[in-house]
């Protein structure tokens, strides 16, 4: 069986083609193809993708079709449906050059949940949790118990709604990233609003918690519905929470449409005067306090819903990209799984997983995960070239690293990276100012040999997808200042031979020469642009940016011989 899965929402479009007979999978995020960050694609783009691989699907599964006039799931409890609108079926078959009636539309959040499945060793997942950064037209939070059991042919055949007893939480009025986005707008940060929350995350370390502010919020959350409606008005909607002693819990007594009582969390004007930046300590304390409080809300949402700490839990959605909040959750749930593609760009993988479960197909194999981007496959550099790259890093040079296939997800994980010595005292400033052209307070991540991670960071298990904010050990902080944030946190990526042997080899050689088993790793792109997927993009970047060399497959190019590069 051949399956096409795609997502054509308002941003971060992606598509997957999967052949169950061969287990071959191809993933493509449209922004990598066209070079426009958060690109919103159309059906013609998907058609070209399939033509490239001579692929004709037996089954089509998609999500977020409403924005492309392809329908939507019509109720909060309709997680999926077989597309029976003849006009839409004909439109899809015509535009994709297909001929199938096996077309399914899956709810945005349910697709998020299903996208996590390939990373879990067992088919039995106890809870699927999604918290979107912005949300779709129905909800921002969904928690489903035993989500696999929800996918059932008999419900489609009978034309009835999905098993509602499995849906534990479904709420619209909770937008954790929305508060950070509003703060980012006030700070006049450049770029898309979609990126604001991620940028603000790095500023968290610069402030102090304002306990008076937290106590004030607690007090206001207990004064009843009338006070909430009279005093607080905002476009940023929050979920139904109240304080019970020192614990934040859900409050079922407050109607959905009245859950706007956390206005004070974004109403900066009532708390401090401009400028809204890190030079204003009052503002940054406010930012830090908001960020901390949101993390508590997310924690308590998990704890109130998932009472068994040993449960296998998957977590996705844009909010799952926040490493600081994730670390709070990892401290409570040892079987928590977050995919590198937690954002909307991973929804196409969830679409394919829906078809796999629905048709009882074998579990998808990801022999090279997360390097499944359908871009350039390259010849690996030989040992001499790797040694040359390592020597450059030892000398404090900045090197682009473009190898194999690209990573799925928004973060460079060793195939589309800019690398540097993590021990340079001013390393962060050098890359931020000379190469990435971004805010000075945004940290950089270390890629560390898995077997040495615990020696350098408070991390005792693999973290291959850069989704945790752990602490650099005290005796190591002065050794690796470029990857240690102001609060001594570090967004660690662990590297094993099995995961990426080439990248492991490079770091191991660097370790042999320096005694440091890690390198600074940031994405191979300029600020405001997607991660590169073509050699030409890399060459142009080297020509026009202030760094030293670029290793593209087996070839190492130098900045000082730029005129020889074609």
Protein backbone atom coordinates (compact mmCIF):
# COMPACT_ATOMS: atom_id res chain seq x y z
CA UNK A 1 0.00 0.00 0.00
CA UNK A 2 1.24 3.48 -0.93
CA UNK A 3 0.28 6.40 1.28
CA UNK A 4 0.41 10.17 0.74
CA UNK A 5 0.18 12.34 3.84
CA UNK A 6 0.22 16.11 3.71
CA UNK A 7 -0.42 19.28 5.67
CA UNK A 8 -1.36 22.52 3.94
CA UNK A 9 -2.22 24.79 6.85
CA UNK A 10 -1.37 28.46 7.00
CA UNK A 11 2.34 27.80 7.56
CA UNK A 12 5.01 25.08 7.62
CA UNK A 13 3.50 22.87 4.92
CA UNK A 14 4.93 19.38 4.51
CA UNK A 15 4.26 16.12 2.71
CA UNK A 16 5.23 12.46 3.12
CA UNK A 17 5.14 9.59 0.65
CA UNK A 18 5.36 6.12 2.14
CA UNK A 19 5.42 2.69 0.50
CA UNK A 20 4.40 0.01 2.99
CA UNK A 21 5.74 -2.71 0.68
CA UNK A 22 9.31 -1.40 0.78
CA UNK A 23 9.16 0.72 3.98
CA UNK A 24 10.59 3.57 1.90
CA UNK A 25 9.66 7.00 3.19
CA UNK A 26 10.29 10.47 1.78
CA UNK A 27 9.53 13.64 3.71
CA UNK A 28 9.65 17.18 2.39
CA UNK A 29 8.93 20.46 4.11
CA UNK A 30 8.05 23.00 1.48
CA UNK A 31 10.13 25.83 2.97
CA UNK A 32 13.30 23.83 2.24
CA UNK A 33 12.26 23.51 -1.41
CA UNK A 34 11.34 27.14 -2.05
CA UNK A 35 13.64 28.87 0.46
CA UNK A 36 10.84 30.78 2.24
CA UNK A 37 10.56 30.25 6.00
CA UNK A 38 7.19 28.88 7.20
CA UNK A 39 6.11 28.47 3.58
CA UNK A 40 2.45 27.74 2.87
CA UNK A 41 2.29 25.34 -0.07
CA UNK A 42 -0.51 24.23 -2.41
CA UNK A 43 -1.60 21.02 -4.13
CA UNK A 44 0.62 21.67 -7.16
CA UNK A 45 3.68 21.57 -4.90
CA UNK A 46 2.62 18.14 -3.62
CA UNK A 47 1.99 17.01 -7.18
CA UNK A 48 5.55 17.98 -8.15
CA UNK A 49 6.89 16.13 -5.11
CA UNK A 50 5.12 12.93 -6.16
CA UNK A 51 6.20 13.33 -9.78
CA UNK A 52 9.81 13.55 -8.67
CA UNK A 53 9.53 10.06 -7.17
CA UNK A 54 7.04 8.61 -9.69
CA UNK A 55 4.68 8.00 -6.77
CA UNK A 56 0.95 7.29 -7.08
CA UNK A 57 -0.79 6.74 -3.72
CA UNK A 58 -3.50 4.24 -2.89
CA UNK A 59 -4.50 6.28 0.17
CA UNK A 60 -4.47 10.03 0.80
CA UNK A 61 -4.56 11.44 4.33
CA UNK A 62 -4.36 15.15 5.05
CA UNK A 63 -4.86 17.69 7.82
CA UNK A 64 -6.00 21.33 8.02
CA UNK A 65 -7.83 21.27 4.75
CA UNK A 66 -10.21 24.12 5.53
CA UNK A 67 -7.75 26.85 4.56
CA UNK A 68 -7.39 25.23 1.16
CA UNK A 69 -11.12 24.54 0.75
CA UNK A 70 -10.58 20.85 1.40
CA UNK A 71 -13.01 20.56 4.33
CA UNK A 72 -12.50 20.24 8.08
CA UNK A 73 -13.47 18.06 10.99
CA UNK A 74 -16.81 19.50 12.02
CA UNK A 75 -17.05 19.00 15.77
CA UNK A 76 -14.76 18.87 18.82
CA UNK A 77 -15.16 15.11 18.97
CA UNK A 78 -14.70 14.36 15.27
CA UNK A 79 -11.03 13.47 15.15
CA UNK A 80 -11.12 12.09 11.62
CA UNK A 81 -13.46 11.27 8.77
CA UNK A 82 -13.42 9.66 5.37
CA UNK A 83 -13.79 12.43 2.83
CA UNK A 84 -17.23 11.94 1.22
CA UNK A 85 -17.59 15.38 -0.32
CA UNK A 86 -17.53 14.52 -4.03
CA UNK A 87 -16.35 18.00 -4.99
CA UNK A 88 -13.33 17.77 -2.67
CA UNK A 89 -12.56 14.19 -3.72
CA UNK A 90 -12.59 15.22 -7.36
CA UNK A 91 -10.47 18.28 -6.66
CA UNK A 92 -7.80 16.23 -4.92
CA UNK A 93 -7.71 13.53 -7.58
CA UNK A 94 -7.57 16.10 -10.38
CA UNK A 95 -4.83 18.24 -8.84
CA UNK A 96 -2.71 15.31 -7.65
CA UNK A 97 -3.23 13.13 -10.74
CA UNK A 98 -4.61 10.34 -8.57
CA UNK A 99 -7.67 8.14 -8.71
CA UNK A 100 -8.73 7.00 -5.27
CA UNK A 101 -11.72 7.22 -2.96
CA UNK A 102 -9.55 6.32 0.04
CA UNK A 103 -9.18 9.91 1.19
CA UNK A 104 -9.20 10.85 4.88
CA UNK A 105 -9.17 14.13 6.77
CA UNK A 106 -7.67 14.07 10.28
CA UNK A 107 -8.07 16.67 13.03
CA UNK A 108 -5.08 18.97 13.51
CA UNK A 109 -4.36 17.93 17.09
CA UNK A 110 -4.99 14.25 16.56
CA UNK A 111 -2.49 14.37 13.69
CA UNK A 112 0.05 15.94 16.06
CA UNK A 113 -0.47 13.07 18.50
CA UNK A 114 -0.11 10.42 15.81
CA UNK A 115 3.10 12.00 14.50
CA UNK A 116 4.86 10.93 17.71
CA UNK A 117 4.21 7.24 17.22
CA UNK A 118 7.20 6.28 15.09
CA UNK A 119 9.54 7.29 17.92
CA UNK A 120 7.97 5.04 20.55
CA UNK A 121 9.19 1.46 20.85
CA UNK A 122 5.72 0.11 21.58
CA UNK A 123 2.38 0.60 19.86
CA UNK A 124 0.78 1.03 23.27
CA UNK A 125 0.82 4.71 24.17
CA UNK A 126 -1.12 5.61 27.31
CA UNK A 127 -1.65 9.32 26.66
CA UNK A 128 -1.23 11.61 23.69
CA UNK A 129 -0.91 15.32 24.54
CA UNK A 130 -0.86 18.25 22.15
CA UNK A 131 -0.49 21.91 23.08
CA UNK A 132 -0.30 24.16 20.06
CA UNK A 133 1.58 27.39 20.00
CA UNK A 134 -1.33 29.11 18.25
CA UNK A 135 -3.89 26.38 17.70
CA UNK A 136 -6.34 25.64 14.93
CA UNK A 137 -9.98 26.68 14.63
CA UNK A 138 -11.25 24.16 17.22
CA UNK A 139 -8.82 23.92 20.11
CA UNK A 140 -5.31 24.55 21.39
CA UNK A 141 -5.06 21.64 23.85
CA UNK A 142 -6.01 18.00 23.35
CA UNK A 143 -5.28 15.06 25.63
CA UNK A 144 -6.38 11.59 24.55
CA UNK A 145 -6.10 8.36 26.52
CA UNK A 146 -5.01 5.28 24.54
CA UNK A 147 -5.05 7.26 21.28
CA UNK A 148 -4.39 4.29 19.03
CA UNK A 149 -7.68 2.72 20.09
CA UNK A 150 -9.51 5.75 18.74
CA UNK A 151 -8.58 4.94 15.13
CA UNK A 152 -11.16 2.35 14.13
CA UNK A 153 -12.65 1.42 10.75
CA UNK A 154 -16.03 0.56 12.21
CA UNK A 155 -16.57 4.14 13.31
CA UNK A 156 -15.91 5.35 9.80
CA UNK A 157 -18.19 2.72 8.29
CA UNK A 158 -20.98 3.45 10.75
CA UNK A 159 -20.66 7.19 10.25
CA UNK A 160 -20.54 7.87 13.98
CA UNK A 161 -18.29 10.16 15.96
CA UNK A 162 -14.97 9.13 17.44
CA UNK A 163 -14.93 7.48 20.86
CA UNK A 164 -15.42 10.51 23.06
CA UNK A 165 -14.55 8.68 26.27
CA UNK A 166 -10.93 8.60 25.14
CA UNK A 167 -10.80 12.39 24.85
CA UNK A 168 -9.87 13.60 28.33
CA UNK A 169 -9.23 17.27 27.55
CA UNK A 170 -10.15 19.41 24.59
CA UNK A 171 -9.91 23.15 25.13
CA UNK A 172 -9.60 26.23 23.01
CA UNK A 173 -8.81 28.91 25.54
CA UNK A 174 -5.24 28.10 26.40
CA UNK A 175 -2.44 29.68 24.46
CA UNK A 176 0.91 29.44 26.28
CA UNK A 177 2.96 30.69 23.39
CA UNK A 178 0.54 33.56 22.78
CA UNK A 179 1.72 35.45 25.85
CA UNK A 180 5.35 35.15 24.76
CA UNK A 181 4.41 36.21 21.25
CA UNK A 182 2.77 39.35 22.61
CA UNK A 183 5.89 40.12 24.62
CA UNK A 184 8.01 39.58 21.50
CA UNK A 185 5.86 42.02 19.56
CA UNK A 186 6.31 44.62 22.29
CA UNK A 187 10.07 44.03 22.08
CA UNK A 188 9.81 44.74 18.33
CA UNK A 189 11.64 41.56 17.44
CA UNK A 190 12.14 41.06 13.73
CA UNK A 191 10.75 38.13 11.77
CA UNK A 192 7.54 36.15 11.83
CA UNK A 193 5.24 36.15 14.87
CA UNK A 194 5.42 32.37 14.68
CA UNK A 195 9.02 32.59 15.88
CA UNK A 196 8.48 35.08 18.72
CA UNK A 197 7.87 32.52 21.47
CA UNK A 198 11.04 30.63 20.59
CA UNK A 199 13.08 33.82 20.66
CA UNK A 200 11.66 34.89 24.01
CA UNK A 201 12.58 31.51 25.50
CA UNK A 202 16.26 32.50 25.51
CA UNK A 203 15.54 35.73 27.41
CA UNK A 204 14.14 33.75 30.34
CA UNK A 205 17.59 33.40 31.89
CA UNK A 206 18.14 37.15 32.24
CA UNK A 207 15.35 37.92 34.70
CA UNK A 208 14.33 37.21 38.28
CA UNK A 209 11.08 35.68 39.45
CA UNK A 210 8.65 38.25 40.80
CA UNK A 211 6.84 36.45 43.60
CA UNK A 212 4.55 39.41 44.24
CA UNK A 213 3.35 39.19 40.66
CA UNK A 214 2.71 35.44 40.99
CA UNK A 215 0.83 36.00 44.25
CA UNK A 216 -1.24 38.71 42.54
CA UNK A 217 -2.23 36.36 39.74
CA UNK A 218 -3.18 33.71 42.29
CA UNK A 219 -5.41 36.16 44.10
CA UNK A 220 -7.15 37.31 40.94
CA UNK A 221 -7.83 33.75 39.89
CA UNK A 222 -9.96 33.20 42.99
CA UNK A 223 -12.25 36.25 42.92
CA UNK A 224 -14.98 34.85 40.75
CA UNK A 225 -16.39 35.13 37.27
CA UNK A 226 -17.89 38.63 37.63
CA UNK A 227 -14.56 40.17 38.59
CA UNK A 228 -12.82 38.42 35.75
CA UNK A 229 -15.27 39.72 33.16
CA UNK A 230 -15.22 43.29 34.46
CA UNK A 231 -11.49 43.70 34.78
CA UNK A 232 -9.76 41.57 32.17
CA UNK A 233 -10.23 41.77 28.41
CA UNK A 234 -7.82 40.29 25.83
CA UNK A 235 -7.59 38.51 22.54
CA UNK A 236 -5.25 35.97 24.11
CA UNK A 237 -7.45 33.26 25.56
CA UNK A 238 -6.37 31.04 28.45
CA UNK A 239 -7.64 27.77 29.79
CA UNK A 240 -9.77 27.08 32.78
CA UNK A 241 -7.44 27.12 35.77
CA UNK A 242 -7.53 28.14 39.40
CA UNK A 243 -5.15 28.00 42.34
CA UNK A 244 -5.75 25.37 45.01
CA UNK A 245 -3.22 26.21 47.68
CA UNK A 246 0.13 26.10 45.94
CA UNK A 247 -1.13 24.05 43.03
CA UNK A 248 -2.75 25.23 39.84
CA UNK A 249 -5.74 23.04 38.88
CA UNK A 250 -8.52 23.14 36.35
CA UNK A 251 -11.71 24.97 37.25
CA UNK A 252 -14.73 23.52 35.53
CA UNK A 253 -17.04 26.19 36.94
CA UNK A 254 -15.86 28.96 34.62
CA UNK A 255 -17.49 28.91 31.16
CA UNK A 256 -15.22 28.49 28.17
CA UNK A 257 -15.84 31.93 26.72
CA UNK A 258 -14.93 33.69 29.94
CA UNK A 259 -11.40 32.35 30.22
CA UNK A 260 -9.60 35.60 29.52
CA UNK A 261 -8.66 36.31 33.10
CA UNK A 262 -4.90 36.25 32.67
CA UNK A 263 -4.71 39.59 30.93
CA UNK A 264 -2.22 40.79 33.49
CA UNK A 265 0.27 38.28 32.13
CA UNK A 266 0.56 40.23 28.90
CA UNK A 267 -0.49 43.70 30.01
CA UNK A 268 3.04 45.06 30.25
CA UNK A 269 1.91 48.67 30.22
CA UNK A 270 0.40 48.37 33.68
CA UNK A 271 3.62 47.01 35.15
CA UNK A 272 6.53 48.81 33.59
CA UNK A 273 7.46 51.58 31.22
CA UNK A 274 9.32 51.23 27.93
CA UNK A 275 11.79 50.20 26.70
CA UNK A 276 10.54 46.64 26.42
CA UNK A 277 13.92 44.99 26.16
CA UNK A 278 16.61 43.33 28.26
CA UNK A 279 18.02 46.69 29.32
CA UNK A 280 14.85 47.24 31.36
CA UNK A 281 15.22 44.91 34.35
CA UNK A 282 11.61 45.42 35.41
CA UNK A 283 10.46 44.22 32.01
CA UNK A 284 12.78 41.24 31.85
CA UNK A 285 11.76 40.18 35.37
CA UNK A 286 8.18 40.37 34.18
CA UNK A 287 9.03 38.26 31.12
CA UNK A 288 10.83 35.66 33.23
CA UNK A 289 7.98 35.45 35.71
CA UNK A 290 5.43 34.96 32.94
CA UNK A 291 7.53 32.25 31.36
CA UNK A 292 7.90 30.48 34.70
CA UNK A 293 4.19 30.67 35.51
CA UNK A 294 3.21 29.26 32.11
CA UNK A 295 5.55 26.33 32.76
CA UNK A 296 3.74 25.70 36.05
CA UNK A 297 0.39 25.76 34.28
CA UNK A 298 1.54 23.21 31.70
CA UNK A 299 3.04 21.03 34.44
CA UNK A 300 -0.16 20.99 36.43
CA UNK A 301 -2.24 20.30 33.36
CA UNK A 302 -0.16 17.15 32.85
CA UNK A 303 -0.21 16.17 36.52
CA UNK A 304 -3.96 16.70 36.90
CA UNK A 305 -4.74 14.62 33.82
CA UNK A 306 -2.05 11.92 33.90
CA UNK A 307 -1.99 10.55 37.42
CA UNK A 308 0.32 7.58 36.75
CA UNK A 309 3.87 8.93 36.42
CA UNK A 310 4.99 5.69 34.72
CA UNK A 311 2.58 6.20 31.82
CA UNK A 312 3.92 6.28 28.26
CA UNK A 313 3.15 9.82 27.15
CA UNK A 314 3.69 11.51 23.80
CA UNK A 315 3.76 15.29 23.62
CA UNK A 316 3.64 17.47 20.52
CA UNK A 317 2.49 20.81 19.16
CA UNK A 318 4.43 24.04 18.89
CA UNK A 319 4.60 24.45 22.67
CA UNK A 320 6.52 21.16 22.90
CA UNK A 321 9.49 22.95 21.28
CA UNK A 322 10.03 24.97 24.50
CA UNK A 323 13.00 23.27 26.15
CA UNK A 324 12.58 25.04 29.50
CA UNK A 325 9.00 23.88 29.93
CA UNK A 326 9.94 20.43 28.64
CA UNK A 327 12.55 20.01 31.34
CA UNK A 328 9.88 20.55 34.00
CA UNK A 329 7.82 17.75 32.43
CA UNK A 330 10.76 15.36 32.09
CA UNK A 331 11.33 15.69 35.85
CA UNK A 332 7.86 14.17 36.43
CA UNK A 333 7.40 11.71 33.55
CA UNK A 334 10.23 9.29 32.76
CA UNK A 335 8.41 7.85 29.72
CA UNK A 336 7.75 11.17 28.00
CA UNK A 337 8.40 11.23 24.24
CA UNK A 338 8.69 14.46 22.22
CA UNK A 339 9.50 14.26 18.50
CA UNK A 340 11.90 16.68 16.79
CA UNK A 341 9.00 17.52 14.45
CA UNK A 342 6.59 18.51 17.25
CA UNK A 343 5.52 21.65 15.36
CA UNK A 344 3.13 21.79 12.40
CA UNK A 345 5.84 20.73 9.97
CA UNK A 346 5.50 17.19 11.38
CA UNK A 347 1.77 16.82 10.77
CA UNK A 348 2.26 14.98 7.48
CA UNK A 349 4.01 12.18 9.39
CA UNK A 350 0.95 11.92 11.62
CA UNK A 351 -1.24 11.59 8.53
CA UNK A 352 0.76 8.61 7.34
CA UNK A 353 0.64 7.07 10.79
CA UNK A 354 -3.15 7.38 10.78
CA UNK A 355 -3.30 5.29 7.59
CA UNK A 356 -0.89 2.76 9.05
CA UNK A 357 -3.09 2.21 12.10
CA UNK A 358 -6.35 2.31 10.15
CA UNK A 359 -5.23 -0.35 7.68
CA UNK A 360 -3.27 -2.36 10.28
CA UNK A 361 0.04 -2.02 8.47
CA UNK A 362 3.44 -2.86 9.93
CA UNK A 363 5.15 -0.20 11.98
CA UNK A 364 7.10 2.33 9.94
CA UNK A 365 10.87 1.96 9.91
CA UNK A 366 13.08 4.98 10.34
CA UNK A 367 16.54 3.55 9.73
CA UNK A 368 17.99 7.02 9.25
CA UNK A 369 15.68 9.09 11.43
CA UNK A 370 15.63 12.08 11.84
CA UNK A 371 17.49 12.52 8.54
CA UNK A 372 14.57 11.88 6.18
CA UNK A 373 14.31 15.26 4.43
CA UNK A 374 14.06 14.79 0.69
CA UNK A 375 16.96 16.96 -0.37
CA UNK A 376 20.56 16.31 -1.31
CA UNK A 377 22.17 12.95 -0.61
CA UNK A 378 25.93 13.54 -0.57
CA UNK A 379 29.18 11.60 -0.63
CA UNK A 380 30.68 11.58 2.85
CA UNK A 381 34.01 13.31 3.46
CA UNK A 382 37.04 11.08 3.90
CA UNK A 383 39.03 10.94 7.11
CA UNK A 384 41.54 13.52 5.94
CA UNK A 385 38.76 16.03 5.25
CA UNK A 386 37.19 15.38 8.64
CA UNK A 387 40.58 15.95 10.25
CA UNK A 388 40.89 19.23 8.36
CA UNK A 389 37.47 20.36 9.65
CA UNK A 390 38.43 19.39 13.20
CA UNK A 391 41.68 21.38 12.93
CA UNK A 392 39.68 24.42 11.87
CA UNK A 393 37.38 24.04 14.87
CA UNK A 394 40.33 23.61 17.23
CA UNK A 395 41.75 26.86 15.85
CA UNK A 396 38.50 28.69 16.65
CA UNK A 397 37.17 28.86 13.09
CA UNK A 398 33.47 28.72 12.16
CA UNK A 399 32.61 25.87 9.78
CA UNK A 400 29.42 25.02 7.91
CA UNK A 401 28.60 21.28 7.86
CA UNK A 402 26.28 20.06 5.07
CA UNK A 403 26.00 16.27 4.95
CA UNK A 404 23.64 13.46 3.95
CA UNK A 405 19.94 14.16 4.03
CA UNK A 406 18.44 17.00 6.03
CA UNK A 407 16.83 16.67 9.44
CA UNK A 408 13.10 16.65 10.01
CA UNK A 409 12.06 19.45 12.35
CA UNK A 410 13.22 23.05 12.90
CA UNK A 411 16.59 22.32 14.58
CA UNK A 412 19.88 21.27 13.06
CA UNK A 413 20.88 17.89 14.44
CA UNK A 414 24.21 17.30 12.75
CA UNK A 415 23.62 17.27 9.00
CA UNK A 416 22.73 20.93 8.38
CA UNK A 417 24.83 22.69 11.00
CA UNK A 418 27.19 25.56 11.70
CA UNK A 419 29.93 24.33 14.06
CA UNK A 420 32.39 26.05 16.36
CA UNK A 421 34.65 25.38 19.34
CA UNK A 422 32.42 25.55 22.47
CA UNK A 423 35.30 26.84 24.60
CA UNK A 424 35.59 30.26 22.97
CA UNK A 425 34.80 32.89 25.57
CA UNK A 426 33.02 35.17 23.11
CA UNK A 427 31.78 32.40 20.82
CA UNK A 428 28.10 33.26 21.16
CA UNK A 429 28.67 36.89 20.29
CA UNK A 430 30.83 35.98 17.30
CA UNK A 431 28.17 33.78 15.69
CA UNK A 432 25.24 36.01 16.62
CA UNK A 433 26.88 39.12 15.21
CA UNK A 434 28.93 37.77 12.32
CA UNK A 435 26.90 34.86 11.00
CA UNK A 436 23.37 34.38 12.35
CA UNK A 437 22.49 38.07 12.71
CA UNK A 438 20.16 37.48 15.62
CA UNK A 439 19.55 38.67 19.19
CA UNK A 440 22.54 38.45 21.52
CA UNK A 441 20.61 36.74 24.28
CA UNK A 442 19.68 33.65 22.27
CA UNK A 443 21.85 30.65 23.29
CA UNK A 444 23.53 27.97 21.20
CA UNK A 445 23.34 24.24 21.73
CA UNK A 446 26.08 21.67 22.26
CA UNK A 447 26.25 18.37 20.39
CA UNK A 448 27.91 16.01 22.86
CA UNK A 449 29.05 12.40 22.61
CA UNK A 450 26.30 10.42 24.31
CA UNK A 451 28.64 8.48 26.60
CA UNK A 452 30.12 11.71 27.99
CA UNK A 453 26.96 13.77 28.37
CA UNK A 454 26.48 12.99 32.07
CA UNK A 455 30.02 14.20 32.85
CA UNK A 456 29.33 17.67 31.48
CA UNK A 457 25.59 18.15 32.03
CA UNK A 458 22.82 17.10 34.44
CA UNK A 459 21.62 14.52 31.95
CA UNK A 460 21.58 10.76 32.50
CA UNK A 461 19.76 9.57 29.38
CA UNK A 462 19.96 10.28 25.65
CA UNK A 463 18.55 13.55 24.34
CA UNK A 464 19.05 13.27 20.56
CA UNK A 465 16.63 15.98 19.41
CA UNK A 466 17.73 19.08 21.35
CA UNK A 467 14.47 19.31 23.31
CA UNK A 468 15.71 19.62 26.89
CA UNK A 469 17.27 22.47 28.87
CA UNK A 470 19.60 20.83 31.38
CA UNK A 471 22.35 22.37 33.53
CA UNK A 472 26.05 22.51 32.70
CA UNK A 473 27.96 20.99 35.60
CA UNK A 474 29.73 23.56 37.75
CA UNK A 475 33.25 22.25 37.07
CA UNK A 476 32.68 22.47 33.30
CA UNK A 477 31.09 25.91 32.90
CA UNK A 478 34.30 27.83 32.38
CA UNK A 479 35.48 25.27 29.84
CA UNK A 480 32.48 25.56 27.48
CA UNK A 481 31.13 29.13 27.86
CA UNK A 482 29.80 29.31 24.29
CA UNK A 483 27.16 26.64 24.95
CA UNK A 484 26.39 27.55 28.56
CA UNK A 485 23.58 30.07 28.94
CA UNK A 486 23.44 32.89 31.46
CA UNK A 487 21.55 30.70 33.97
CA UNK A 488 24.00 27.81 33.31
CA UNK A 489 21.43 25.92 31.27
CA UNK A 490 22.24 24.15 28.03
CA UNK A 491 19.99 22.77 25.27
CA UNK A 492 21.89 19.52 24.84
CA UNK A 493 21.87 17.17 21.88
CA UNK A 494 23.45 13.78 22.53
CA UNK A 495 25.16 11.98 19.62
CA UNK A 496 25.71 8.23 19.24
CA UNK A 497 27.38 6.18 16.51
CA UNK A 498 24.06 4.58 15.67
CA UNK A 499 22.30 7.91 15.31
CA UNK A 500 24.87 9.67 13.10
CA UNK A 501 28.22 7.96 12.71
CA UNK A 502 29.77 10.72 10.58
CA UNK A 503 28.90 13.48 13.03
CA UNK A 504 29.98 11.28 15.94
CA UNK A 505 33.35 10.71 14.27
CA UNK A 506 33.92 14.44 13.86
CA UNK A 507 33.11 15.19 17.50
CA UNK A 508 35.22 12.24 18.69
CA UNK A 509 38.23 13.57 16.76
CA UNK A 510 37.63 17.01 18.28
CA UNK A 511 37.52 15.38 21.73
CA UNK A 512 40.80 13.55 21.11
CA UNK A 513 42.52 16.86 20.37
CA UNK A 514 40.89 19.12 22.96
CA UNK A 515 39.56 16.91 25.75
CA UNK A 516 36.11 18.42 25.12
CA UNK A 517 33.57 15.83 23.83
CA UNK A 518 31.24 18.35 22.24
CA UNK A 519 30.95 21.12 19.66
CA UNK A 520 28.73 24.18 19.35
CA UNK A 521 25.95 23.42 16.87
CA UNK A 522 23.47 25.83 15.32
CA UNK A 523 21.36 25.57 12.19
CA UNK A 524 22.90 26.16 8.78
CA UNK A 525 20.95 29.23 7.72
CA UNK A 526 20.91 32.97 8.05
CA UNK A 527 18.39 34.68 10.34
CA UNK A 528 14.90 34.67 8.84
CA UNK A 529 15.62 31.87 6.33
CA UNK A 530 14.95 28.13 6.48
CA UNK A 531 17.72 25.58 6.93
CA UNK A 532 19.55 25.09 3.65
CA UNK A 533 18.81 22.11 1.43
CA UNK A 534 20.98 22.84 -1.64
CA UNK A 535 24.70 23.17 -2.27
CA UNK A 536 24.14 26.48 -4.03
CA UNK A 537 22.55 27.98 -0.92
CA UNK A 538 25.57 26.95 1.14
CA UNK A 539 28.07 28.40 -1.32
CA UNK A 540 26.19 31.68 -1.50
CA UNK A 541 26.03 31.82 2.30
CA UNK A 542 29.79 31.30 2.54
CA UNK A 543 30.42 34.03 0.00
CA UNK A 544 28.21 36.56 1.73
CA UNK A 545 28.63 35.76 5.43
CA UNK A 546 31.52 36.24 7.79
CA UNK A 547 32.66 32.73 8.59
CA UNK A 548 35.57 30.58 7.54
CA UNK A 549 34.76 27.36 5.69
CA UNK A 550 31.98 25.10 4.45
CA UNK A 551 32.16 21.32 4.22
CA UNK A 552 29.62 20.11 1.64
CA UNK A 553 29.72 16.34 1.40
CA UNK A 554 33.28 15.33 0.60
CA UNK A 555 34.44 18.83 -0.39
CA UNK A 556 35.77 21.52 1.97
CA UNK A 557 35.51 25.11 0.70
CA UNK A 558 37.43 28.02 2.25
CA UNK A 559 36.33 31.61 2.59
CA UNK A 560 39.76 32.90 1.53
CA UNK A 561 39.52 31.05 -1.80
CA UNK A 562 36.02 32.21 -2.48
CA UNK A 563 36.85 33.34 -6.00
CA UNK A 564 37.59 29.74 -6.95
CA UNK A 565 34.16 28.52 -5.85
CA UNK A 566 31.65 27.91 -8.59
